[in-house]
């Protein structure tokens, strides 16, 4: 993380200390990923993404999807409920 303004979607920017929205975590979790990779892709400090990640886990929007062969850490992907939530949030924003 470089401390600069984080990347968001198609050129939109979030202030340096703004928490990551749940939708952004879900979008990046459509494929196998882990928390650290989501933070890296969003270019944000982990403390800003943790609330959304924790919420997704708590509400069953993410499920385990194996182990990262390089790091040995758990990988996650969207559940069916997570895919539905992402579609629903996407429609509301449109």
N, C-alpha and C. Protein backbone atom coordinates (compact mmCIF):
# COMPACT_ATOMS: atom_id res chain seq x y z
N UNK A 1 0.84 -1.17 0.00
CA UNK A 1 0.00 0.00 0.00
C UNK A 1 0.89 1.23 0.00
N UNK A 2 0.55 2.13 -0.82
CA UNK A 2 1.40 3.30 -0.94
C UNK A 2 0.86 4.52 -0.20
N UNK A 3 -0.29 4.38 0.46
CA UNK A 3 -0.84 5.51 1.21
C UNK A 3 -1.57 6.50 0.33
N UNK A 4 -1.56 6.28 -0.98
CA UNK A 4 -2.27 7.17 -1.89
C UNK A 4 -3.75 6.82 -1.88
N UNK A 5 -4.51 7.57 -2.61
CA UNK A 5 -5.93 7.32 -2.71
C UNK A 5 -6.15 5.96 -3.36
N UNK A 6 -6.99 5.13 -2.77
CA UNK A 6 -7.24 3.79 -3.28
C UNK A 6 -8.00 3.79 -4.59
N UNK A 7 -7.75 2.75 -5.40
CA UNK A 7 -8.47 2.59 -6.66
C UNK A 7 -9.83 2.01 -6.35
N UNK A 8 -10.82 2.45 -7.09
CA UNK A 8 -12.17 1.91 -6.93
C UNK A 8 -12.83 1.85 -8.29
N UNK A 9 -13.35 0.70 -8.64
CA UNK A 9 -14.14 0.57 -9.86
C UNK A 9 -13.50 1.21 -11.07
N UNK A 10 -14.30 1.88 -11.85
CA UNK A 10 -13.85 2.48 -13.11
C UNK A 10 -13.39 3.91 -12.87
N UNK A 11 -12.25 4.06 -12.23
CA UNK A 11 -11.67 5.38 -12.09
C UNK A 11 -12.21 6.21 -10.94
N UNK A 12 -13.16 5.70 -10.18
CA UNK A 12 -13.63 6.45 -9.02
C UNK A 12 -12.61 6.30 -7.91
N UNK A 13 -12.56 7.27 -7.01
CA UNK A 13 -11.58 7.21 -5.94
C UNK A 13 -12.24 7.31 -4.59
N UNK A 14 -11.63 6.67 -3.62
CA UNK A 14 -12.07 6.69 -2.24
C UNK A 14 -11.00 7.43 -1.46
N UNK A 15 -11.38 8.16 -0.43
CA UNK A 15 -10.37 8.84 0.37
C UNK A 15 -9.51 7.79 1.06
N UNK A 16 -8.35 8.18 1.48
CA UNK A 16 -7.36 7.27 2.05
C UNK A 16 -7.90 6.49 3.24
N UNK A 17 -8.72 7.10 4.08
CA UNK A 17 -9.19 6.44 5.30
C UNK A 17 -10.63 5.93 5.22
N UNK A 18 -11.23 5.92 4.04
CA UNK A 18 -12.61 5.45 3.91
C UNK A 18 -12.65 3.93 3.94
N UNK A 19 -13.59 3.36 4.69
CA UNK A 19 -13.69 1.90 4.71
C UNK A 19 -14.12 1.37 3.34
N UNK A 20 -13.74 0.15 3.05
CA UNK A 20 -14.08 -0.49 1.78
C UNK A 20 -15.53 -0.95 1.83
N UNK A 21 -16.33 -0.61 0.82
CA UNK A 21 -17.71 -1.09 0.79
C UNK A 21 -17.78 -2.60 0.57
N UNK A 22 -18.80 -3.22 1.12
CA UNK A 22 -19.01 -4.65 0.97
C UNK A 22 -19.05 -5.05 -0.50
N UNK A 23 -19.66 -4.25 -1.34
CA UNK A 23 -19.77 -4.57 -2.76
C UNK A 23 -18.40 -4.80 -3.39
N UNK A 24 -17.42 -3.99 -3.04
CA UNK A 24 -16.08 -4.14 -3.62
C UNK A 24 -15.44 -5.46 -3.21
N UNK A 25 -15.66 -5.86 -1.97
CA UNK A 25 -15.13 -7.15 -1.51
C UNK A 25 -15.81 -8.28 -2.28
N UNK A 26 -17.11 -8.18 -2.48
CA UNK A 26 -17.84 -9.22 -3.20
C UNK A 26 -17.41 -9.31 -4.66
N UNK A 27 -17.23 -8.18 -5.30
CA UNK A 27 -16.80 -8.17 -6.71
C UNK A 27 -15.47 -8.91 -6.86
N UNK A 28 -14.53 -8.64 -5.98
CA UNK A 28 -13.22 -9.27 -6.07
C UNK A 28 -13.22 -10.72 -5.61
N UNK A 29 -14.30 -11.15 -4.97
CA UNK A 29 -14.38 -12.52 -4.46
C UNK A 29 -15.16 -13.44 -5.41
N UNK A 30 -15.47 -12.97 -6.59
CA UNK A 30 -16.16 -13.85 -7.55
C UNK A 30 -15.26 -15.02 -7.94
N UNK A 31 -13.97 -14.81 -7.88
CA UNK A 31 -13.03 -15.90 -8.12
C UNK A 31 -12.31 -16.19 -6.81
N UNK A 32 -11.57 -17.28 -6.76
CA UNK A 32 -10.85 -17.62 -5.53
C UNK A 32 -9.89 -16.51 -5.15
N UNK A 33 -9.92 -16.13 -3.90
CA UNK A 33 -9.04 -15.08 -3.42
C UNK A 33 -8.85 -15.25 -1.92
N UNK A 34 -8.03 -14.41 -1.36
CA UNK A 34 -7.89 -14.35 0.09
C UNK A 34 -7.86 -12.89 0.49
N UNK A 35 -8.05 -12.64 1.75
CA UNK A 35 -8.21 -11.28 2.26
C UNK A 35 -7.06 -10.37 1.83
N UNK A 36 -5.84 -10.85 1.95
CA UNK A 36 -4.68 -10.03 1.62
C UNK A 36 -4.67 -9.64 0.14
N UNK A 37 -5.11 -10.53 -0.72
CA UNK A 37 -5.16 -10.23 -2.15
C UNK A 37 -6.23 -9.19 -2.47
N UNK A 38 -7.35 -9.26 -1.79
CA UNK A 38 -8.41 -8.26 -1.98
C UNK A 38 -7.87 -6.88 -1.61
N UNK A 39 -7.18 -6.80 -0.49
CA UNK A 39 -6.61 -5.52 -0.05
C UNK A 39 -5.58 -5.02 -1.05
N UNK A 40 -4.76 -5.93 -1.55
CA UNK A 40 -3.73 -5.55 -2.53
C UNK A 40 -4.37 -5.03 -3.81
N UNK A 41 -5.41 -5.73 -4.31
CA UNK A 41 -6.07 -5.30 -5.53
C UNK A 41 -6.76 -3.95 -5.36
N UNK A 42 -7.28 -3.69 -4.18
CA UNK A 42 -7.93 -2.40 -3.93
C UNK A 42 -6.94 -1.31 -3.53
N UNK A 43 -5.71 -1.72 -3.25
CA UNK A 43 -4.67 -0.80 -2.82
C UNK A 43 -5.08 -0.07 -1.54
N UNK A 44 -5.54 -0.86 -0.56
CA UNK A 44 -5.97 -0.30 0.72
C UNK A 44 -5.31 -1.05 1.86
N UNK A 45 -5.20 -0.39 2.98
CA UNK A 45 -4.72 -1.01 4.20
C UNK A 45 -5.76 -2.03 4.66
N UNK A 46 -5.29 -3.14 5.23
CA UNK A 46 -6.20 -4.21 5.65
C UNK A 46 -7.24 -3.76 6.66
N UNK A 47 -6.90 -2.79 7.49
CA UNK A 47 -7.88 -2.35 8.51
C UNK A 47 -9.10 -1.70 7.86
N UNK A 48 -8.96 -1.18 6.63
CA UNK A 48 -10.09 -0.54 5.94
C UNK A 48 -10.99 -1.56 5.26
N UNK A 49 -10.46 -2.72 4.92
CA UNK A 49 -11.24 -3.75 4.24
C UNK A 49 -11.80 -4.79 5.21
N UNK A 50 -11.22 -4.87 6.40
CA UNK A 50 -11.63 -5.92 7.33
C UNK A 50 -13.11 -5.88 7.70
N UNK A 51 -13.72 -4.73 7.99
CA UNK A 51 -15.15 -4.76 8.34
C UNK A 51 -16.04 -5.38 7.25
N UNK A 52 -15.79 -5.06 6.00
CA UNK A 52 -16.59 -5.62 4.90
C UNK A 52 -16.32 -7.12 4.75
N UNK A 53 -15.06 -7.53 4.87
CA UNK A 53 -14.70 -8.94 4.76
C UNK A 53 -15.37 -9.74 5.89
N UNK A 54 -15.28 -9.22 7.10
CA UNK A 54 -15.87 -9.89 8.25
C UNK A 54 -17.39 -9.99 8.10
N UNK A 55 -18.03 -8.95 7.60
CA UNK A 55 -19.47 -8.95 7.37
C UNK A 55 -19.85 -10.03 6.35
N UNK A 56 -19.06 -10.12 5.27
CA UNK A 56 -19.32 -11.12 4.24
C UNK A 56 -19.21 -12.54 4.81
N UNK A 57 -18.22 -12.78 5.64
CA UNK A 57 -18.07 -14.09 6.27
C UNK A 57 -19.22 -14.38 7.24
N UNK A 58 -19.54 -13.39 8.06
CA UNK A 58 -20.57 -13.56 9.08
C UNK A 58 -21.93 -13.89 8.47
N UNK A 59 -22.22 -13.31 7.31
CA UNK A 59 -23.53 -13.51 6.69
C UNK A 59 -23.54 -14.57 5.60
N UNK A 60 -22.47 -15.36 5.53
CA UNK A 60 -22.44 -16.48 4.60
C UNK A 60 -22.33 -16.08 3.14
N UNK A 61 -21.72 -14.93 2.87
CA UNK A 61 -21.55 -14.48 1.49
C UNK A 61 -20.27 -15.04 0.87
N UNK A 62 -19.36 -15.49 1.72
CA UNK A 62 -18.10 -16.10 1.28
C UNK A 62 -18.00 -17.50 1.86
N UNK A 63 -17.33 -18.39 1.13
CA UNK A 63 -17.07 -19.74 1.61
C UNK A 63 -15.62 -20.10 1.32
N UNK A 64 -15.10 -21.04 2.08
CA UNK A 64 -13.73 -21.48 1.83
C UNK A 64 -13.67 -22.18 0.48
N UNK A 65 -12.53 -21.99 -0.18
CA UNK A 65 -12.35 -22.56 -1.52
C UNK A 65 -10.95 -23.13 -1.67
N UNK A 66 -10.48 -23.79 -0.64
CA UNK A 66 -9.17 -24.41 -0.70
C UNK A 66 -8.10 -23.60 0.01
N UNK A 67 -6.86 -23.99 -0.26
CA UNK A 67 -5.71 -23.38 0.38
C UNK A 67 -4.78 -22.83 -0.70
N UNK A 68 -4.25 -21.64 -0.48
CA UNK A 68 -3.28 -21.04 -1.39
C UNK A 68 -2.01 -21.88 -1.32
N UNK A 69 -1.59 -22.43 -2.47
CA UNK A 69 -0.43 -23.32 -2.51
C UNK A 69 0.87 -22.60 -2.12
N UNK A 70 0.92 -21.30 -2.35
CA UNK A 70 2.14 -20.54 -2.05
C UNK A 70 2.23 -20.15 -0.58
N UNK A 71 1.13 -19.62 -0.03
CA UNK A 71 1.16 -19.10 1.34
C UNK A 71 0.62 -20.07 2.38
N UNK A 72 -0.18 -21.05 1.95
CA UNK A 72 -0.81 -21.96 2.90
C UNK A 72 -2.03 -21.37 3.57
N UNK A 73 -2.46 -20.18 3.15
CA UNK A 73 -3.63 -19.53 3.76
C UNK A 73 -4.90 -19.94 3.03
N UNK A 74 -6.01 -19.87 3.76
CA UNK A 74 -7.31 -20.23 3.19
C UNK A 74 -7.71 -19.27 2.08
N UNK A 75 -8.28 -19.86 1.02
CA UNK A 75 -8.83 -19.09 -0.09
C UNK A 75 -10.35 -19.07 0.08
N UNK A 76 -10.98 -18.04 -0.47
CA UNK A 76 -12.43 -17.89 -0.35
C UNK A 76 -13.01 -17.52 -1.71
N UNK A 77 -14.30 -17.79 -1.86
CA UNK A 77 -15.04 -17.38 -3.04
C UNK A 77 -16.48 -17.11 -2.61
N UNK A 78 -17.25 -16.51 -3.51
CA UNK A 78 -18.65 -16.21 -3.19
C UNK A 78 -19.47 -17.48 -3.05
N UNK A 79 -20.41 -17.45 -2.13
CA UNK A 79 -21.42 -18.49 -2.04
C UNK A 79 -22.54 -18.10 -3.00
N UNK A 80 -23.50 -18.97 -3.14
CA UNK A 80 -24.67 -18.62 -3.96
C UNK A 80 -25.36 -17.38 -3.36
N UNK A 81 -25.43 -17.34 -2.06
CA UNK A 81 -26.02 -16.18 -1.38
C UNK A 81 -25.21 -14.91 -1.67
N UNK A 82 -23.89 -15.05 -1.72
CA UNK A 82 -23.03 -13.91 -2.05
C UNK A 82 -23.24 -13.42 -3.46
N UNK A 83 -23.41 -14.36 -4.42
CA UNK A 83 -23.68 -13.97 -5.81
C UNK A 83 -25.01 -13.23 -5.91
N UNK A 84 -26.01 -13.73 -5.19
CA UNK A 84 -27.31 -13.06 -5.18
C UNK A 84 -27.19 -11.66 -4.58
N UNK A 85 -26.46 -11.54 -3.48
CA UNK A 85 -26.27 -10.23 -2.85
C UNK A 85 -25.56 -9.26 -3.80
N UNK A 86 -24.58 -9.74 -4.52
CA UNK A 86 -23.87 -8.89 -5.47
C UNK A 86 -24.78 -8.43 -6.59
N UNK A 87 -25.60 -9.32 -7.11
CA UNK A 87 -26.56 -8.93 -8.16
C UNK A 87 -27.57 -7.93 -7.63
N UNK A 88 -28.05 -8.15 -6.41
CA UNK A 88 -29.04 -7.26 -5.81
C UNK A 88 -28.45 -5.88 -5.57
N UNK A 89 -27.26 -5.81 -5.03
CA UNK A 89 -26.60 -4.53 -4.78
C UNK A 89 -26.33 -3.82 -6.11
N UNK A 90 -25.93 -4.57 -7.11
CA UNK A 90 -25.67 -3.99 -8.42
C UNK A 90 -26.91 -3.37 -9.03
N UNK A 91 -28.06 -4.04 -8.88
CA UNK A 91 -29.32 -3.50 -9.42
C UNK A 91 -29.74 -2.24 -8.69
N UNK A 92 -29.54 -2.22 -7.39
CA UNK A 92 -29.92 -1.04 -6.61
C UNK A 92 -29.12 0.18 -7.02
N UNK A 93 -27.82 -0.03 -7.37
CA UNK A 93 -26.95 1.08 -7.73
C UNK A 93 -27.24 1.59 -9.13
N UNK A 94 -27.81 0.74 -9.99
CA UNK A 94 -28.05 1.11 -11.39
C UNK A 94 -29.17 2.11 -11.54
